[in-house]
């Protein structure tokens, strides 16, 4: 496809948009990840689980976790009845464990609601814990096939690659009209699945185009971070092991401040199942 650069005041012609759509659908037809497990359902709960798992986590890591989660907690009722310890044991390895807590809280809200039904509108979805603008839109698109525009890293990658080739620091503000224009008259669920897969492909064969985005941020390393300590504590708890402050200091020497921040954060998020014990005089 011939690539063009558009200024803020310009939009591509419908002919260009059609050409762009054909390119995306061509990739989807031959190389799309049609067998991803969350693409086999339109259950809003299942879509919500997949979207929260996929936040800052690569697809290959999510697939196995998603399948296991949905087998053990196939409905919001099953999740509502589960203990936090069991829930976290199914989350270990995904990181950002508060997402599991959000799912637990969402299940409680749905089960205790008058309708006992998952919200069906963007505005109502935004009221759920852990659900922001993108996730609310994604649930509307993938569960209800509503024609709402959305943007995430793969969609952003495709748009920058095709329409802003020679630009740097491309703002989402100028990408948004192109997303709306290309979405028109499309099947939303299929279109965004195709866009995301094509974007993932582009990132694997090109220097990541999303780095040209004004919104691009690079994730900080896990090693040496507070997240590393949090993840270790959660993993221990999920295995029925309750670490002491002494054992944490042995595991993470010279990291007292990181340990303190990790414990405080887990307590605040409600993810510390048992309070970290202080070992004194050979007892804990």
C-alpha atoms as a PDB file:
ATOM      1  CA  UNK A   1       0.000   0.000   0.000  1.00  0.00           C
ATOM      2  CA  UNK A   2       1.292   3.449  -0.892  1.00  0.00           C
ATOM      3  CA  UNK A   3       1.912   5.320   2.339  1.00  0.00           C
ATOM      4  CA  UNK A   4       0.991   8.938   2.838  1.00  0.00           C
ATOM      5  CA  UNK A   5       1.423  11.422   5.645  1.00  0.00           C
ATOM      6  CA  UNK A   6      -1.606  13.402   6.795  1.00  0.00           C
ATOM      7  CA  UNK A   7      -1.594  16.703   8.586  1.00  0.00           C
ATOM      8  CA  UNK A   8      -4.062  17.445  11.372  1.00  0.00           C
ATOM      9  CA  UNK A   9      -6.388  19.201   8.948  1.00  0.00           C
ATOM     10  CA  UNK A  10      -6.334  16.337   6.448  1.00  0.00           C
ATOM     11  CA  UNK A  11      -7.979  12.965   6.233  1.00  0.00           C
ATOM     12  CA  UNK A  12      -7.450  10.282   3.619  1.00  0.00           C
ATOM     13  CA  UNK A  13     -10.016   9.795   0.885  1.00  0.00           C
ATOM     14  CA  UNK A  14     -12.536   6.976   1.129  1.00  0.00           C
ATOM     15  CA  UNK A  15     -10.614   5.258  -1.647  1.00  0.00           C
ATOM     16  CA  UNK A  16      -7.481   5.323   0.509  1.00  0.00           C
ATOM     17  CA  UNK A  17      -9.469   4.056   3.495  1.00  0.00           C
ATOM     18  CA  UNK A  18     -10.864   1.213   1.415  1.00  0.00           C
ATOM     19  CA  UNK A  19      -7.364   0.308   0.302  1.00  0.00           C
ATOM     20  CA  UNK A  20      -6.226   0.378   3.909  1.00  0.00           C
ATOM     21  CA  UNK A  21      -9.108  -1.847   5.018  1.00  0.00           C
ATOM     22  CA  UNK A  22      -8.325  -4.317   2.248  1.00  0.00           C
ATOM     23  CA  UNK A  23      -4.717  -4.524   3.453  1.00  0.00           C
ATOM     24  CA  UNK A  24      -5.778  -5.203   7.037  1.00  0.00           C
ATOM     25  CA  UNK A  25      -8.408  -7.776   6.073  1.00  0.00           C
ATOM     26  CA  UNK A  26      -5.995  -9.523   3.727  1.00  0.00           C
ATOM     27  CA  UNK A  27      -3.600 -10.108   6.615  1.00  0.00           C
ATOM     28  CA  UNK A  28      -6.486 -11.181   8.873  1.00  0.00           C
ATOM     29  CA  UNK A  29      -7.791 -13.670   6.337  1.00  0.00           C
ATOM     30  CA  UNK A  30      -4.478 -15.453   5.887  1.00  0.00           C
ATOM     31  CA  UNK A  31      -2.618 -14.884   9.172  1.00  0.00           C
ATOM     32  CA  UNK A  32      -5.182 -13.792  11.775  1.00  0.00           C
ATOM     33  CA  UNK A  33      -5.167 -15.437  15.203  1.00  0.00           C
ATOM     34  CA  UNK A  34      -8.725 -16.718  14.807  1.00  0.00           C
ATOM     35  CA  UNK A  35      -8.229 -19.456  17.388  1.00  0.00           C
ATOM     36  CA  UNK A  36      -7.487 -17.230  20.398  1.00  0.00           C
ATOM     37  CA  UNK A  37      -9.794 -18.582  23.126  1.00  0.00           C
ATOM     38  CA  UNK A  38     -11.459 -15.253  23.940  1.00  0.00           C
ATOM     39  CA  UNK A  39     -12.406 -14.924  20.279  1.00  0.00           C
ATOM     40  CA  UNK A  40     -14.598 -18.003  20.614  1.00  0.00           C
ATOM     41  CA  UNK A  41     -17.065 -16.233  22.905  1.00  0.00           C
ATOM     42  CA  UNK A  42     -19.141 -13.084  23.246  1.00  0.00           C
ATOM     43  CA  UNK A  43     -19.753 -13.585  26.978  1.00  0.00           C
ATOM     44  CA  UNK A  44     -19.031 -10.165  28.539  1.00  0.00           C
ATOM     45  CA  UNK A  45     -17.569 -11.738  31.684  1.00  0.00           C
ATOM     46  CA  UNK A  46     -15.132 -13.835  29.626  1.00  0.00           C
ATOM     47  CA  UNK A  47     -14.208 -10.808  27.502  1.00  0.00           C
ATOM     48  CA  UNK A  48     -13.636  -8.763  30.652  1.00  0.00           C
ATOM     49  CA  UNK A  49     -11.320 -11.469  32.038  1.00  0.00           C
ATOM     50  CA  UNK A  50      -9.327 -11.548  28.803  1.00  0.00           C
ATOM     51  CA  UNK A  51      -9.034  -7.768  28.600  1.00  0.00           C
ATOM     52  CA  UNK A  52      -7.778  -7.421  32.159  1.00  0.00           C
ATOM     53  CA  UNK A  53      -5.318 -10.268  31.680  1.00  0.00           C
ATOM     54  CA  UNK A  54      -4.022  -8.751  28.457  1.00  0.00           C
ATOM     55  CA  UNK A  55      -3.209  -5.416  30.078  1.00  0.00           C
ATOM     56  CA  UNK A  56       0.590  -5.109  29.874  1.00  0.00           C
ATOM     57  CA  UNK A  57       0.904  -8.887  29.358  1.00  0.00           C
ATOM     58  CA  UNK A  58       1.848 -10.643  26.126  1.00  0.00           C
ATOM     59  CA  UNK A  59      -0.753 -12.830  24.400  1.00  0.00           C
ATOM     60  CA  UNK A  60       1.241 -16.107  24.614  1.00  0.00           C
ATOM     61  CA  UNK A  61       1.481 -15.748  28.406  1.00  0.00           C
ATOM     62  CA  UNK A  62      -2.209 -15.002  28.727  1.00  0.00           C
ATOM     63  CA  UNK A  63      -3.621 -17.914  26.698  1.00  0.00           C
ATOM     64  CA  UNK A  64      -2.823 -20.687  29.181  1.00  0.00           C
ATOM     65  CA  UNK A  65      -3.823 -18.554  32.184  1.00  0.00           C
ATOM     66  CA  UNK A  66      -7.092 -17.516  30.552  1.00  0.00           C
ATOM     67  CA  UNK A  67      -8.068 -21.102  29.711  1.00  0.00           C
ATOM     68  CA  UNK A  68      -7.310 -22.292  33.265  1.00  0.00           C
ATOM     69  CA  UNK A  69      -9.152 -19.335  34.804  1.00  0.00           C
ATOM     70  CA  UNK A  70     -12.283 -19.810  32.708  1.00  0.00           C
ATOM     71  CA  UNK A  71     -12.294 -23.547  33.439  1.00  0.00           C
ATOM     72  CA  UNK A  72     -12.200 -22.903  37.199  1.00  0.00           C
ATOM     73  CA  UNK A  73     -14.264 -19.690  37.264  1.00  0.00           C
ATOM     74  CA  UNK A  74     -16.585 -19.958  34.225  1.00  0.00           C
ATOM     75  CA  UNK A  75     -19.131 -17.455  35.598  1.00  0.00           C
ATOM     76  CA  UNK A  76     -19.213 -14.418  37.844  1.00  0.00           C
ATOM     77  CA  UNK A  77     -20.999 -16.564  40.454  1.00  0.00           C
ATOM     78  CA  UNK A  78     -18.101 -19.025  40.581  1.00  0.00           C
ATOM     79  CA  UNK A  79     -15.614 -16.174  40.874  1.00  0.00           C
ATOM     80  CA  UNK A  80     -17.678 -14.440  43.569  1.00  0.00           C
ATOM     81  CA  UNK A  81     -17.598 -17.601  45.724  1.00  0.00           C
ATOM     82  CA  UNK A  82     -13.843 -18.169  45.347  1.00  0.00           C
ATOM     83  CA  UNK A  83     -11.364 -17.200  48.033  1.00  0.00           C
ATOM     84  CA  UNK A  84      -8.691 -14.623  47.282  1.00  0.00           C
ATOM     85  CA  UNK A  85      -6.015 -17.223  47.940  1.00  0.00           C
ATOM     86  CA  UNK A  86      -7.431 -19.562  45.281  1.00  0.00           C
ATOM     87  CA  UNK A  87      -8.022 -16.716  42.867  1.00  0.00           C
ATOM     88  CA  UNK A  88      -4.434 -15.500  43.168  1.00  0.00           C
ATOM     89  CA  UNK A  89      -3.103 -19.022  42.613  1.00  0.00           C
ATOM     90  CA  UNK A  90      -4.632 -18.873  39.122  1.00  0.00           C
ATOM     91  CA  UNK A  91      -3.176 -15.406  38.514  1.00  0.00           C
ATOM     92  CA  UNK A  92       0.456 -16.124  39.432  1.00  0.00           C
ATOM     93  CA  UNK A  93       2.721 -15.393  36.490  1.00  0.00           C
ATOM     94  CA  UNK A  94       0.637 -12.586  35.019  1.00  0.00           C
ATOM     95  CA  UNK A  95       1.849  -9.834  37.344  1.00  0.00           C
ATOM     96  CA  UNK A  96      -0.031  -6.644  38.242  1.00  0.00           C
ATOM     97  CA  UNK A  97      -2.046  -8.698  40.716  1.00  0.00           C
ATOM     98  CA  UNK A  98      -4.553  -5.974  41.573  1.00  0.00           C
ATOM     99  CA  UNK A  99      -6.223  -6.873  38.271  1.00  0.00           C
ATOM    100  CA  UNK A 100      -7.306 -10.148  39.905  1.00  0.00           C
ATOM    101  CA  UNK A 101      -8.741  -8.166  42.799  1.00  0.00           C
ATOM    102  CA  UNK A 102     -10.670  -5.988  40.337  1.00  0.00           C
ATOM    103  CA  UNK A 103     -12.212  -9.087  38.765  1.00  0.00           C
ATOM    104  CA  UNK A 104     -13.252 -10.329  42.206  1.00  0.00           C
ATOM    105  CA  UNK A 105     -14.879  -6.977  42.983  1.00  0.00           C
ATOM    106  CA  UNK A 106     -16.591  -6.883  39.580  1.00  0.00           C
ATOM    107  CA  UNK A 107     -18.049 -10.351  40.228  1.00  0.00           C
ATOM    108  CA  UNK A 108     -19.375  -9.178  43.588  1.00  0.00           C
ATOM    109  CA  UNK A 109     -21.009  -6.103  42.045  1.00  0.00           C
ATOM    110  CA  UNK A 110     -22.677  -8.120  39.259  1.00  0.00           C
ATOM    111  CA  UNK A 111     -23.882 -10.922  41.543  1.00  0.00           C
ATOM    112  CA  UNK A 112     -25.340  -8.457  44.055  1.00  0.00           C
ATOM    113  CA  UNK A 113     -26.969  -6.229  41.405  1.00  0.00           C
ATOM    114  CA  UNK A 114     -30.726  -6.261  40.828  1.00  0.00           C
ATOM    115  CA  UNK A 115     -30.397  -7.769  37.347  1.00  0.00           C
ATOM    116  CA  UNK A 116     -27.375 -10.004  38.085  1.00  0.00           C
ATOM    117  CA  UNK A 117     -26.330  -9.197  34.512  1.00  0.00           C
ATOM    118  CA  UNK A 118     -23.057  -7.771  33.234  1.00  0.00           C
ATOM    119  CA  UNK A 119     -23.396  -4.085  32.220  1.00  0.00           C
ATOM    120  CA  UNK A 120     -24.115  -3.581  28.527  1.00  0.00           C
ATOM    121  CA  UNK A 121     -23.235   0.086  28.014  1.00  0.00           C
ATOM    122  CA  UNK A 122     -19.964   1.999  27.962  1.00  0.00           C
ATOM    123  CA  UNK A 123     -21.086   4.354  30.754  1.00  0.00           C
ATOM    124  CA  UNK A 124     -22.183   1.528  33.056  1.00  0.00           C
ATOM    125  CA  UNK A 125     -19.001  -0.456  32.404  1.00  0.00           C
ATOM    126  CA  UNK A 126     -16.916   2.548  33.456  1.00  0.00           C
ATOM    127  CA  UNK A 127     -18.489   2.301  36.908  1.00  0.00           C
ATOM    128  CA  UNK A 128     -16.853  -1.083  37.510  1.00  0.00           C
ATOM    129  CA  UNK A 129     -13.517  -1.190  39.407  1.00  0.00           C
ATOM    130  CA  UNK A 130     -10.453  -1.475  37.202  1.00  0.00           C
ATOM    131  CA  UNK A 131     -12.414  -0.648  34.042  1.00  0.00           C
ATOM    132  CA  UNK A 132     -11.100   2.419  32.209  1.00  0.00           C
ATOM    133  CA  UNK A 133     -11.952   3.983  28.875  1.00  0.00           C
ATOM    134  CA  UNK A 134     -10.207   1.415  26.691  1.00  0.00           C
ATOM    135  CA  UNK A 135     -11.451  -1.660  28.569  1.00  0.00           C
ATOM    136  CA  UNK A 136     -15.044  -0.391  28.574  1.00  0.00           C
ATOM    137  CA  UNK A 137     -14.847   0.167  24.822  1.00  0.00           C
ATOM    138  CA  UNK A 138     -13.232  -3.248  24.272  1.00  0.00           C
ATOM    139  CA  UNK A 139     -16.005  -5.045  26.149  1.00  0.00           C
ATOM    140  CA  UNK A 140     -18.607  -3.132  24.130  1.00  0.00           C
ATOM    141  CA  UNK A 141     -16.872  -4.131  20.899  1.00  0.00           C
ATOM    142  CA  UNK A 142     -15.925  -7.748  21.579  1.00  0.00           C
ATOM    143  CA  UNK A 143     -18.871  -8.789  23.759  1.00  0.00           C
ATOM    144  CA  UNK A 144     -21.705  -6.720  22.272  1.00  0.00           C
ATOM    145  CA  UNK A 145     -20.299  -5.877  18.819  1.00  0.00           C
ATOM    146  CA  UNK A 146     -21.009  -2.186  19.387  1.00  0.00           C
ATOM    147  CA  UNK A 147     -19.390   0.189  16.894  1.00  0.00           C
ATOM    148  CA  UNK A 148     -17.262   2.146  19.358  1.00  0.00           C
ATOM    149  CA  UNK A 149     -13.802   3.330  18.296  1.00  0.00           C
ATOM    150  CA  UNK A 150     -10.944   2.201  20.513  1.00  0.00           C
ATOM    151  CA  UNK A 151      -7.206   2.594  20.584  1.00  0.00           C
ATOM    152  CA  UNK A 152      -4.462   0.458  22.105  1.00  0.00           C
ATOM    153  CA  UNK A 153      -0.865  -0.286  21.205  1.00  0.00           C
ATOM    154  CA  UNK A 154      -1.525  -2.540  18.191  1.00  0.00           C
ATOM    155  CA  UNK A 155      -4.208  -0.287  16.707  1.00  0.00           C
ATOM    156  CA  UNK A 156      -1.909   2.682  17.254  1.00  0.00           C
ATOM    157  CA  UNK A 157       0.940   0.797  15.554  1.00  0.00           C
ATOM    158  CA  UNK A 158      -1.113   0.168  12.406  1.00  0.00           C
ATOM    159  CA  UNK A 159      -2.335   3.746  12.127  1.00  0.00           C
ATOM    160  CA  UNK A 160       1.117   5.273  12.605  1.00  0.00           C
ATOM    161  CA  UNK A 161       2.700   2.842  10.138  1.00  0.00           C
ATOM    162  CA  UNK A 162       0.192   3.549   7.390  1.00  0.00           C
ATOM    163  CA  UNK A 163      -0.687   7.212   7.858  1.00  0.00           C
ATOM    164  CA  UNK A 164       2.138   8.927   9.773  1.00  0.00           C
ATOM    165  CA  UNK A 165       5.236   7.231   8.372  1.00  0.00           C
ATOM    166  CA  UNK A 166       7.552  10.248   8.493  1.00  0.00           C
ATOM    167  CA  UNK A 167       6.302  11.818  11.719  1.00  0.00           C
ATOM    168  CA  UNK A 168       7.453  11.578  15.328  1.00  0.00           C
ATOM    169  CA  UNK A 169       5.523  12.066  18.568  1.00  0.00           C
ATOM    170  CA  UNK A 170       2.200  11.335  16.865  1.00  0.00           C
ATOM    171  CA  UNK A 171      -0.634  12.231  19.228  1.00  0.00           C
ATOM    172  CA  UNK A 172      -3.669   9.989  19.639  1.00  0.00           C
ATOM    173  CA  UNK A 173      -5.738  13.080  18.903  1.00  0.00           C
ATOM    174  CA  UNK A 174      -4.787  12.867  15.218  1.00  0.00           C
ATOM    175  CA  UNK A 175      -5.080   9.085  15.096  1.00  0.00           C
ATOM    176  CA  UNK A 176      -8.608   9.015  16.495  1.00  0.00           C
ATOM    177  CA  UNK A 177     -10.402  10.400  13.390  1.00  0.00           C
ATOM    178  CA  UNK A 178      -8.723   7.723  11.260  1.00  0.00           C
ATOM    179  CA  UNK A 179      -9.951   5.000  13.602  1.00  0.00           C
ATOM    180  CA  UNK A 180     -13.495   6.369  13.385  1.00  0.00           C
ATOM    181  CA  UNK A 181     -13.300   6.689   9.608  1.00  0.00           C
ATOM    182  CA  UNK A 182     -11.963   3.170   9.057  1.00  0.00           C
ATOM    183  CA  UNK A 183     -14.515   1.660  11.471  1.00  0.00           C
ATOM    184  CA  UNK A 184     -17.526   3.026   9.573  1.00  0.00           C
ATOM    185  CA  UNK A 185     -19.753   0.289   8.124  1.00  0.00           C
ATOM    186  CA  UNK A 186     -17.490  -2.486   9.427  1.00  0.00           C
ATOM    187  CA  UNK A 187     -18.281  -5.390  11.724  1.00  0.00           C
ATOM    188  CA  UNK A 188     -16.627  -3.925  14.865  1.00  0.00           C
ATOM    189  CA  UNK A 189     -15.599  -7.219  16.476  1.00  0.00           C
ATOM    190  CA  UNK A 190     -13.956  -8.516  13.311  1.00  0.00           C
ATOM    191  CA  UNK A 191     -12.420  -5.193  12.306  1.00  0.00           C
ATOM    192  CA  UNK A 192     -10.670  -4.562  15.602  1.00  0.00           C
ATOM    193  CA  UNK A 193      -9.523  -8.191  15.871  1.00  0.00           C
ATOM    194  CA  UNK A 194      -7.983  -7.796  12.411  1.00  0.00           C
ATOM    195  CA  UNK A 195      -6.386  -4.443  13.285  1.00  0.00           C
ATOM    196  CA  UNK A 196      -4.855  -5.803  16.482  1.00  0.00           C
ATOM    197  CA  UNK A 197      -3.423  -8.872  14.800  1.00  0.00           C
ATOM    198  CA  UNK A 198      -2.002  -6.807  11.952  1.00  0.00           C
ATOM    199  CA  UNK A 199      -0.458  -4.407  14.455  1.00  0.00           C
ATOM    200  CA  UNK A 200       1.116  -7.285  16.368  1.00  0.00           C
ATOM    201  CA  UNK A 201       2.549  -8.555  13.087  1.00  0.00           C
ATOM    202  CA  UNK A 202       3.990  -5.148  12.179  1.00  0.00           C
ATOM    203  CA  UNK A 203       5.756  -4.912  15.530  1.00  0.00           C
ATOM    204  CA  UNK A 204       7.381  -8.294  14.889  1.00  0.00           C
ATOM    205  CA  UNK A 205       8.817  -7.354  11.483  1.00  0.00           C
ATOM    206  CA  UNK A 206       9.528  -3.622  11.861  1.00  0.00           C
ATOM    207  CA  UNK A 207      11.124  -1.307  14.411  1.00  0.00           C
ATOM    208  CA  UNK A 208       8.063  -0.821  16.611  1.00  0.00           C
ATOM    209  CA  UNK A 209       6.060   1.995  14.931  1.00  0.00           C
ATOM    210  CA  UNK A 210       4.245   2.730  18.196  1.00  0.00           C
ATOM    211  CA  UNK A 211       7.503   4.231  19.489  1.00  0.00           C
ATOM    212  CA  UNK A 212       6.608   7.197  17.291  1.00  0.00           C
ATOM    213  CA  UNK A 213       3.525   7.744  19.426  1.00  0.00           C
ATOM    214  CA  UNK A 214       3.436  10.663  21.824  1.00  0.00           C
ATOM    215  CA  UNK A 215       1.764   8.275  24.279  1.00  0.00           C
ATOM    216  CA  UNK A 216       4.561   5.670  24.086  1.00  0.00           C
ATOM    217  CA  UNK A 217       6.134   4.703  27.406  1.00  0.00           C
ATOM    218  CA  UNK A 218       8.600   1.887  27.998  1.00  0.00           C
ATOM    219  CA  UNK A 219       7.808  -0.491  30.829  1.00  0.00           C
ATOM    220  CA  UNK A 220      10.362  -0.367  33.625  1.00  0.00           C
ATOM    221  CA  UNK A 221      12.375  -3.558  34.286  1.00  0.00           C
ATOM    222  CA  UNK A 222      10.930  -6.028  36.799  1.00  0.00           C
ATOM    223  CA  UNK A 223      14.323  -6.824  38.315  1.00  0.00           C
ATOM    224  CA  UNK A 224      15.071  -4.455  41.162  1.00  0.00           C
ATOM    225  CA  UNK A 225      11.537  -3.031  41.276  1.00  0.00           C
ATOM    226  CA  UNK A 226       8.829  -2.992  43.934  1.00  0.00           C
ATOM    227  CA  UNK A 227       6.764  -5.114  41.515  1.00  0.00           C
ATOM    228  CA  UNK A 228       9.334  -7.874  41.833  1.00  0.00           C
ATOM    229  CA  UNK A 229       8.854  -8.028  45.613  1.00  0.00           C
ATOM    230  CA  UNK A 230       5.061  -7.817  45.325  1.00  0.00           C
ATOM    231  CA  UNK A 231       5.033 -10.660  42.814  1.00  0.00           C
ATOM    232  CA  UNK A 232       7.196 -12.822  45.057  1.00  0.00           C
ATOM    233  CA  UNK A 233       4.906 -12.293  48.071  1.00  0.00           C
ATOM    234  CA  UNK A 234       1.787 -13.051  46.022  1.00  0.00           C
ATOM    235  CA  UNK A 235       3.353 -16.224  44.615  1.00  0.00           C
ATOM    236  CA  UNK A 236       4.318 -17.396  48.088  1.00  0.00           C
ATOM    237  CA  UNK A 237       0.841 -16.726  49.434  1.00  0.00           C
ATOM    238  CA  UNK A 238      -0.815 -18.535  46.531  1.00  0.00           C
ATOM    239  CA  UNK A 239       1.245 -21.612  47.463  1.00  0.00           C
ATOM    240  CA  UNK A 240       0.199 -21.420  51.107  1.00  0.00           C
ATOM    241  CA  UNK A 241       3.539 -20.034  52.280  1.00  0.00           C
ATOM    242  CA  UNK A 242       3.447 -16.981  54.519  1.00  0.00           C
ATOM    243  CA  UNK A 243       6.793 -15.145  54.276  1.00  0.00           C
ATOM    244  CA  UNK A 244       8.258 -13.359  57.261  1.00  0.00           C
ATOM    245  CA  UNK A 245       9.968  -9.998  57.112  1.00  0.00           C
ATOM    246  CA  UNK A 246      13.240 -11.805  57.812  1.00  0.00           C
ATOM    247  CA  UNK A 247      12.755 -14.232  54.911  1.00  0.00           C
ATOM    248  CA  UNK A 248      11.940 -11.339  52.586  1.00  0.00           C
ATOM    249  CA  UNK A 249      15.138  -9.548  53.558  1.00  0.00           C
ATOM    250  CA  UNK A 250      17.083 -12.728  52.817  1.00  0.00           C
ATOM    251  CA  UNK A 251      15.385 -13.047  49.434  1.00  0.00           C
ATOM    252  CA  UNK A 252      15.912  -9.362  48.608  1.00  0.00           C
ATOM    253  CA  UNK A 253      19.037  -8.172  50.440  1.00  0.00           C
ATOM    254  CA  UNK A 254      19.634  -4.422  50.551  1.00  0.00           C
ATOM    255  CA  UNK A 255      15.990  -3.882  49.529  1.00  0.00           C
ATOM    256  CA  UNK A 256      14.348  -2.847  52.806  1.00  0.00           C
ATOM    257  CA  UNK A 257      12.606   0.154  51.252  1.00  0.00           C
ATOM    258  CA  UNK A 258      11.329  -1.950  48.344  1.00  0.00           C
ATOM    259  CA  UNK A 259       9.979  -4.533  50.786  1.00  0.00           C
ATOM    260  CA  UNK A 260       8.235  -1.860  52.861  1.00  0.00           C
ATOM    261  CA  UNK A 261       6.646  -0.310  49.776  1.00  0.00           C
ATOM    262  CA  UNK A 262       5.566  -3.718  48.478  1.00  0.00           C
ATOM    263  CA  UNK A 263       3.898  -4.680  51.761  1.00  0.00           C
ATOM    264  CA  UNK A 264       2.200  -1.288  52.095  1.00  0.00           C
ATOM    265  CA  UNK A 265       0.930  -1.496  48.523  1.00  0.00           C
ATOM    266  CA  UNK A 266      -0.402  -5.032  48.947  1.00  0.00           C
ATOM    267  CA  UNK A 267      -2.181  -4.047  52.162  1.00  0.00           C
ATOM    268  CA  UNK A 268      -3.732  -1.021  50.470  1.00  0.00           C
ATOM    269  CA  UNK A 269      -4.893  -3.135  47.500  1.00  0.00           C
ATOM    270  CA  UNK A 270      -6.331  -5.830  49.743  1.00  0.00           C
ATOM    271  CA  UNK A 271      -3.955  -8.439  48.317  1.00  0.00           C
ATOM    272  CA  UNK A 272      -2.085  -9.302  51.518  1.00  0.00           C
ATOM    273  CA  UNK A 273      -3.940 -12.414  52.676  1.00  0.00           C
ATOM    274  CA  UNK A 274      -2.011 -12.611  55.941  1.00  0.00           C
ATOM    275  CA  UNK A 275       0.068  -9.852  57.469  1.00  0.00           C
ATOM    276  CA  UNK A 276       3.816 -10.295  56.982  1.00  0.00           C
ATOM    277  CA  UNK A 277       5.247 -11.644  60.198  1.00  0.00           C
ATOM    278  CA  UNK A 278       8.297 -10.292  62.000  1.00  0.00           C
ATOM    279  CA  UNK A 279      10.572 -13.103  63.124  1.00  0.00           C
ATOM    280  CA  UNK A 280      12.036 -12.559  66.582  1.00  0.00           C
ATOM    281  CA  UNK A 281      14.289 -14.748  68.741  1.00  0.00           C
ATOM    282  CA  UNK A 282      13.857 -17.774  66.523  1.00  0.00           C
ATOM    283  CA  UNK A 283      10.052 -17.490  66.583  1.00  0.00           C
ATOM    284  CA  UNK A 284       7.626 -16.004  64.070  1.00  0.00           C
END
